[in-house]
Amino acid sequence: MYNNVKLDKSLYSITGKSFTEALAQLDPDENYSGTELASLDAFERQLKRFDIKVSGEHSDKVEKFFASSESAVLFPEYVRRMIRQGMNEASILPEIVAANTTTDQIDFRGLTVTSTGSDTGVSQGGSLPTTTVVLASSAKALTKFARKLSCSYESIRKQRLEAFGVILKSLGAQISRAVNKLAIDDLTYGITPSQISGSAITYADLAAFWASMSDRDMTTMVCAPAVMAQILALDEMKLCVSDYMTSGKVKTPYGVTIVKSSAVGSGKIVGFDKSCAAEMISGTDIIVDFDKLISTQCDEIAASVTVGFSALTSGAVKVLEI
């Protein structure tokens, strides 16, 4: 049972496993099927074991993690999860990435898919239309994004975990916004933007941009904040804005999700067919220095991720310039 698991920092060093995966090997989730603990993962069960409340107005202070040498082992994973939550909340990647790949290399060669020939039918003895998949001509280095929170244990030990978690999530959001920009820059490289018909964007311009992806289905438009404001002010979009109150997303009347992001250059909209536009290559998950965090001998909390992006299918990304 979870009460008898021996916790030590070596659980962070098992090759190919996250801390929670290593913990779940010692305390399998299936043991709790049908019980009141079924909704908790192995890490959350350990929080319950040591009675550490990480959220709510009665959340514990940071120092609660360090009440024993075993509970201290949980602190780096708490930090990582809060940073990950902040990254997820600020990420636009779920709306534009079709595939996620992990690698242990420092660079990668993406796949490129192109199609030739006619789809109107094949005559007897005629050539077959072909879809070709090739590796990129050269390898591309993954990019490391990192940020540190300058703080000593003494300065944070009396802080409530609810408030401290907000700070960690903010750090994660900053990393995520940098990753968003890399994605937009890489996936739009070399694409010639189309132009609106007049001096200000109209609903007809949006519809024409959507239709310009004739062989794909544009599922997402990522806009600079000022452009997003212009779109939402259009008469045709006013009824759509109310959908945000129930779904948390704004969609055009023809079903395209509109995403606001400062990763997009001023005066631009980037359209994606989410189903085939891009591959995300992850070199690492979020890395934190677990050893220093466990010992409390630190003056900063540093976190990093290593990622890259590859365009998968020709014509699945379009750019409109305002």
Protein backbone atom coordinates (compact mmCIF):
# COMPACT_ATOMS: atom_id res chain seq x y z
CA MET A 1 0.00 0.00 0.00
CA TYR A 2 0.99 3.63 -0.50
CA ASN A 3 1.67 4.08 3.22
CA ASN A 4 4.57 1.63 3.08
CA VAL A 5 6.39 2.91 -0.02
CA LYS A 6 10.00 3.85 0.67
CA LEU A 7 10.71 7.27 -0.83
CA ASP A 8 14.19 8.38 -1.80
CA LYS A 9 15.69 10.61 -4.47
CA SER A 10 16.85 7.66 -6.60
CA LEU A 11 13.27 7.51 -7.93
CA TYR A 12 14.14 10.60 -10.00
CA SER A 13 17.09 8.87 -11.66
CA ILE A 14 15.52 5.77 -13.22
CA THR A 15 16.26 5.83 -16.96
CA GLY A 16 13.17 6.10 -19.12
CA LYS A 17 10.78 6.73 -16.23
CA SER A 18 9.36 9.85 -14.68
CA PHE A 19 9.19 10.11 -10.89
CA THR A 20 5.48 9.25 -10.90
CA GLU A 21 6.02 6.27 -13.22
CA ALA A 22 8.76 4.97 -10.94
CA LEU A 23 6.50 5.51 -7.95
CA ALA A 24 3.60 3.72 -9.66
CA GLN A 25 5.82 0.70 -10.18
CA LEU A 26 6.15 0.43 -6.40
CA ASP A 27 2.52 1.37 -5.78
CA PRO A 28 0.45 0.31 -8.84
CA ASP A 29 -2.70 2.29 -9.64
CA GLU A 30 -4.67 -0.90 -10.31
CA ASN A 31 -4.47 -1.77 -6.61
CA TYR A 32 -6.95 1.02 -5.92
CA SER A 33 -9.57 0.24 -8.54
CA GLY A 34 -13.04 0.64 -7.04
CA THR A 35 -11.76 2.42 -3.91
CA GLU A 36 -11.96 6.06 -2.85
CA LEU A 37 -8.33 6.46 -3.96
CA ALA A 38 -8.99 5.35 -7.54
CA SER A 39 -8.96 8.93 -8.83
CA LEU A 40 -5.48 9.64 -7.42
CA ASP A 41 -2.18 8.78 -9.09
CA ALA A 42 0.85 7.47 -7.21
CA PHE A 43 2.19 10.95 -6.42
CA GLU A 44 -1.17 12.22 -5.20
CA ARG A 45 -1.48 9.21 -2.92
CA GLN A 46 1.82 10.18 -1.32
CA LEU A 47 0.51 13.72 -0.74
CA LYS A 48 -2.42 12.12 1.07
CA ARG A 49 -0.06 9.89 3.04
CA PHE A 50 1.82 12.89 4.41
CA ASP A 51 -1.32 15.05 4.64
CA ILE A 52 0.08 17.75 2.34
CA LYS A 53 -2.63 20.05 0.96
CA VAL A 54 -1.35 21.86 -2.14
CA SER A 55 -4.46 23.90 -3.02
CA GLY A 56 -7.38 25.72 -1.44
CA GLU A 57 -7.48 28.47 1.15
CA HIS A 58 -6.29 26.04 3.83
CA SER A 59 -3.35 24.76 1.80
CA ASP A 60 -0.18 23.94 3.72
CA LYS A 61 3.01 25.94 3.75
CA VAL A 62 6.01 24.96 1.63
CA GLU A 63 7.83 23.70 4.71
CA LYS A 64 5.23 20.91 5.15
CA PHE A 65 7.05 19.00 2.42
CA PHE A 66 10.16 19.00 4.60
CA ALA A 67 8.59 17.62 7.77
CA SER A 68 10.47 14.37 7.08
CA SER A 69 13.23 13.18 4.79
CA GLU A 70 10.74 11.05 2.83
CA SER A 71 8.12 13.75 2.29
CA ALA A 72 10.90 16.08 1.09
CA VAL A 73 11.40 13.72 -1.87
CA LEU A 74 7.95 14.80 -3.14
CA PHE A 75 8.81 18.50 -3.46
CA PRO A 76 10.60 18.44 -6.85
CA GLU A 77 7.66 16.58 -8.40
CA TYR A 78 5.25 19.16 -6.97
CA VAL A 79 7.39 21.91 -8.52
CA ARG A 80 7.50 20.11 -11.86
CA ARG A 81 3.73 19.58 -11.91
CA MET A 82 2.96 23.21 -11.17
CA ILE A 83 5.34 24.35 -13.92
CA ARG A 84 3.79 21.83 -16.32
CA GLN A 85 0.30 23.06 -15.48
CA GLY A 86 1.36 26.62 -16.26
CA MET A 87 2.88 25.48 -19.54
CA ASN A 88 -0.27 23.62 -20.54
CA GLU A 89 -2.52 26.57 -19.75
CA ALA A 90 -0.45 28.93 -21.95
CA SER A 91 0.24 26.48 -24.78
CA ILE A 92 -1.30 26.79 -28.25
CA LEU A 93 0.24 23.47 -29.32
CA PRO A 94 -2.86 21.29 -28.75
CA GLU A 95 -4.59 23.38 -31.43
CA ILE A 96 -1.88 23.12 -34.10
CA VAL A 97 0.20 19.94 -33.58
CA ALA A 98 -0.81 16.67 -35.24
CA ALA A 99 1.86 14.35 -33.80
CA ASN A 100 4.18 14.26 -30.79
CA THR A 101 7.52 12.45 -30.92
CA THR A 102 10.15 11.97 -28.23
CA THR A 103 13.86 11.55 -28.88
CA ASP A 104 17.03 11.19 -26.86
CA GLN A 105 19.05 12.99 -29.55
CA ILE A 106 20.03 16.66 -29.65
CA ASP A 107 18.80 17.09 -33.22
CA PHE A 108 16.23 15.59 -35.57
CA ARG A 109 15.30 15.20 -39.22
CA GLY A 110 11.62 15.76 -39.81
CA LEU A 111 9.41 14.06 -42.40
CA THR A 112 8.02 15.86 -45.43
CA VAL A 113 4.94 14.61 -47.26
CA THR A 114 4.23 15.65 -50.87
CA SER A 115 1.68 14.45 -53.41
CA THR A 116 1.92 14.33 -57.22
CA GLY A 117 -0.39 13.18 -59.99
CA SER A 118 -4.09 13.53 -60.60
CA ASP A 119 -6.87 12.20 -58.40
CA THR A 120 -9.42 12.12 -61.21
CA GLY A 121 -8.85 8.45 -61.92
CA VAL A 122 -6.19 6.23 -63.47
CA SER A 123 -6.43 5.07 -67.06
CA GLN A 124 -5.44 1.54 -68.05
CA GLY A 125 -1.65 1.33 -67.96
CA GLY A 126 -1.42 4.88 -66.66
CA SER A 127 0.88 6.14 -63.92
CA LEU A 128 -0.42 6.08 -60.35
CA PRO A 129 -0.61 9.32 -58.39
CA THR A 130 2.05 9.23 -55.68
CA THR A 131 2.42 10.43 -52.13
CA THR A 132 6.10 10.72 -51.23
CA VAL A 133 7.51 10.76 -47.71
CA VAL A 134 11.14 11.84 -47.32
CA LEU A 135 13.44 12.92 -44.53
CA ALA A 136 14.48 16.55 -44.40
CA SER A 137 17.73 17.18 -46.27
CA SER A 138 19.54 18.23 -43.10
CA ALA A 139 19.23 17.71 -39.36
CA LYS A 140 17.84 20.47 -37.19
CA ALA A 141 18.92 21.09 -33.62
CA LEU A 142 16.38 20.95 -30.83
CA THR A 143 15.99 24.17 -28.86
CA LYS A 144 16.31 24.35 -25.09
CA PHE A 145 14.05 26.75 -23.21
CA ALA A 146 14.73 27.46 -19.56
CA ARG A 147 13.83 29.86 -16.81
CA LYS A 148 14.86 30.14 -13.18
CA LEU A 149 13.04 31.44 -10.13
CA SER A 150 15.50 33.16 -7.84
CA CYS A 151 14.57 32.28 -4.27
CA SER A 152 16.10 30.66 -1.20
CA TYR A 153 14.36 28.02 0.86
CA GLU A 154 14.25 30.47 3.76
CA SER A 155 12.29 32.97 1.65
CA ILE A 156 9.61 30.50 0.55
CA ARG A 157 9.28 28.03 3.44
CA LYS A 158 6.43 29.96 5.12
CA GLN A 159 4.51 30.61 1.89
CA ARG A 160 1.20 28.84 1.28
CA LEU A 161 1.41 26.22 -1.45
CA GLU A 162 -1.65 27.71 -3.18
CA ALA A 163 0.18 31.02 -3.71
CA PHE A 164 3.56 29.44 -4.42
CA GLY A 165 1.92 27.23 -7.04
CA VAL A 166 0.67 30.34 -8.86
CA ILE A 167 4.26 31.62 -9.08
CA LEU A 168 5.48 28.28 -10.45
CA LYS A 169 2.66 28.16 -13.00
CA SER A 170 3.59 31.68 -14.12
CA LEU A 171 7.16 30.48 -14.70
CA GLY A 172 5.83 27.60 -16.77
CA ALA A 173 3.62 29.94 -18.80
CA GLN A 174 6.67 32.05 -19.69
CA ILE A 175 8.49 28.98 -20.98
CA SER A 176 5.41 27.91 -22.91
CA ARG A 177 5.06 31.26 -24.66
CA ALA A 178 8.65 30.95 -25.87
CA VAL A 179 7.89 27.44 -27.18
CA ASN A 180 4.77 28.80 -28.93
CA LYS A 181 6.88 31.36 -30.76
CA LEU A 182 9.36 28.74 -31.93
CA ALA A 183 6.46 26.68 -33.28
CA ILE A 184 4.98 29.60 -35.21
CA ASP A 185 8.36 30.76 -36.55
CA ASP A 186 9.42 27.28 -37.67
CA LEU A 187 6.11 26.26 -39.21
CA THR A 188 5.61 29.51 -41.17
CA TYR A 189 9.20 29.77 -42.44
CA GLY A 190 9.27 30.26 -46.20
CA ILE A 191 5.49 30.70 -46.56
CA THR A 192 4.42 33.70 -48.65
CA PRO A 193 1.53 35.48 -46.88
CA SER A 194 -1.70 36.34 -48.68
CA GLN A 195 -3.20 39.80 -48.25
CA ILE A 196 -6.59 41.16 -47.22
CA SER A 197 -8.64 42.92 -49.89
CA GLY A 198 -8.83 46.35 -48.20
CA SER A 199 -7.28 48.39 -45.42
CA ALA A 200 -9.04 46.55 -42.58
CA ILE A 201 -9.96 42.92 -42.13
CA THR A 202 -13.51 41.89 -42.99
CA TYR A 203 -15.52 38.74 -42.47
CA ALA A 204 -15.15 38.09 -46.21
CA ASP A 205 -11.35 38.17 -45.80
CA LEU A 206 -11.58 35.53 -43.05
CA ALA A 207 -13.83 33.32 -45.15
CA ALA A 208 -11.53 33.66 -48.18
CA PHE A 209 -8.50 32.79 -46.04
CA TRP A 210 -10.28 29.69 -44.75
CA ALA A 211 -11.22 28.67 -48.30
CA SER A 212 -7.64 29.22 -49.55
CA MET A 213 -6.67 25.94 -47.89
CA SER A 214 -8.50 24.11 -50.66
CA ASP A 215 -6.92 20.66 -50.24
CA ARG A 216 -6.94 20.77 -46.44
CA ASP A 217 -9.42 21.65 -43.72
CA MET A 218 -8.33 24.77 -41.83
CA THR A 219 -9.18 23.95 -38.22
CA THR A 220 -7.33 26.71 -36.38
CA MET A 221 -6.45 30.38 -36.87
CA VAL A 222 -3.77 31.76 -34.54
CA CYS A 223 -3.87 35.55 -34.37
CA ALA A 224 -1.85 38.36 -32.89
CA PRO A 225 -3.83 39.90 -29.97
CA ALA A 226 -4.68 43.13 -31.84
CA VAL A 227 -5.91 41.16 -34.85
CA MET A 228 -8.01 38.93 -32.58
CA ALA A 229 -9.69 42.07 -31.22
CA GLN A 230 -10.50 43.24 -34.76
CA ILE A 231 -12.01 39.86 -35.65
CA LEU A 232 -14.17 39.71 -32.52
CA ALA A 233 -15.47 43.20 -33.27
CA LEU A 234 -16.87 42.09 -36.65
CA ASP A 235 -20.67 42.03 -36.72
CA GLU A 236 -20.66 38.46 -38.05
CA MET A 237 -18.61 37.29 -35.03
CA LYS A 238 -20.64 38.87 -32.25
CA LEU A 239 -22.88 35.85 -31.76
CA CYS A 240 -19.85 33.54 -31.76
CA VAL A 241 -18.18 35.35 -28.88
CA SER A 242 -20.93 34.16 -26.52
CA ASP A 243 -19.76 30.58 -27.17
CA TYR A 244 -16.60 31.41 -25.21
CA MET A 245 -18.67 31.52 -22.02
CA THR A 246 -19.56 27.82 -22.35
CA SER A 247 -16.66 26.28 -24.29
CA GLY A 248 -13.73 28.53 -23.46
CA LYS A 249 -13.01 28.83 -27.19
CA VAL A 250 -14.08 31.18 -29.95
CA LYS A 251 -15.07 29.61 -33.26
CA THR A 252 -16.06 31.15 -36.56
CA PRO A 253 -19.54 30.29 -37.88
CA TYR A 254 -17.84 27.75 -40.16
CA GLY A 255 -16.14 25.98 -37.26
CA VAL A 256 -12.56 27.30 -37.19
CA THR A 257 -11.11 27.77 -33.68
CA ILE A 258 -9.55 31.21 -33.22
CA VAL A 259 -6.59 31.38 -30.82
CA LYS A 260 -4.97 34.57 -29.50
CA SER A 261 -1.19 34.41 -29.18
CA SER A 262 1.63 36.94 -29.01
CA ALA A 263 3.77 34.32 -30.78
CA VAL A 264 2.28 35.52 -34.06
CA GLY A 265 3.77 38.66 -35.58
CA SER A 266 1.84 41.91 -35.51
CA GLY A 267 -0.88 42.08 -38.15
CA LYS A 268 -0.83 38.37 -39.02
CA ILE A 269 -3.06 35.30 -38.87
CA VAL A 270 -1.68 31.78 -39.25
CA GLY A 271 -4.08 29.05 -40.35
CA PHE A 272 -3.49 25.36 -39.59
CA ASP A 273 -5.01 22.04 -40.47
CA LYS A 274 -4.38 20.55 -37.05
CA SER A 275 -4.75 17.00 -38.35
CA CYS A 276 -1.64 17.09 -40.54
CA ALA A 277 0.25 20.37 -40.18
CA ALA A 278 3.02 19.75 -37.69
CA GLU A 279 5.06 17.37 -35.61
CA MET A 280 6.46 18.32 -32.22
CA ILE A 281 9.72 16.65 -31.23
CA SER A 282 10.45 16.57 -27.48
CA GLY A 283 14.01 16.02 -26.35
CA THR A 284 13.11 16.25 -22.67
CA ASP A 285 10.11 16.69 -20.44
CA ILE A 286 10.39 19.44 -17.83
CA ILE A 287 13.67 19.08 -15.97
CA VAL A 288 14.18 20.47 -12.46
CA ASP A 289 17.19 20.05 -10.18
CA PHE A 290 15.68 17.53 -7.78
CA ASP A 291 18.81 17.07 -5.66
CA LYS A 292 19.05 20.69 -4.54
CA LEU A 293 15.30 21.00 -4.04
CA ILE A 294 15.21 17.97 -1.76
CA SER A 295 18.12 19.20 0.34
CA THR A 296 16.74 22.81 0.47
CA GLN A 297 20.27 23.99 -0.35
CA CYS A 298 19.25 26.15 -3.28
CA ASP A 299 19.04 29.81 -4.19
CA GLU A 300 16.92 29.25 -7.27
CA ILE A 301 14.46 26.89 -8.92
CA ALA A 302 15.39 26.23 -12.55
CA ALA A 303 13.28 24.43 -15.14
CA SER A 304 13.92 23.59 -18.77
CA VAL A 305 12.47 21.75 -21.76
CA THR A 306 14.01 20.85 -25.12
CA VAL A 307 11.78 20.83 -28.21
CA GLY A 308 11.65 21.22 -31.99
CA PHE A 309 8.99 21.42 -34.70
CA SER A 310 8.66 20.02 -38.18
CA ALA A 311 6.10 20.82 -40.89
CA LEU A 312 4.54 17.53 -41.97
CA THR A 313 2.28 18.16 -44.96
CA SER A 314 2.57 20.70 -47.74
CA GLY A 315 -0.26 23.25 -47.79
CA ALA A 316 -1.42 22.60 -44.22
CA VAL A 317 -0.18 25.98 -42.95
CA LYS A 318 -1.21 29.36 -44.42
CA VAL A 319 -0.46 32.96 -43.45
CA LEU A 320 -2.67 36.04 -43.89
CA GLU A 321 -1.23 39.53 -43.52
CA ILE A 322 -3.42 42.39 -42.36
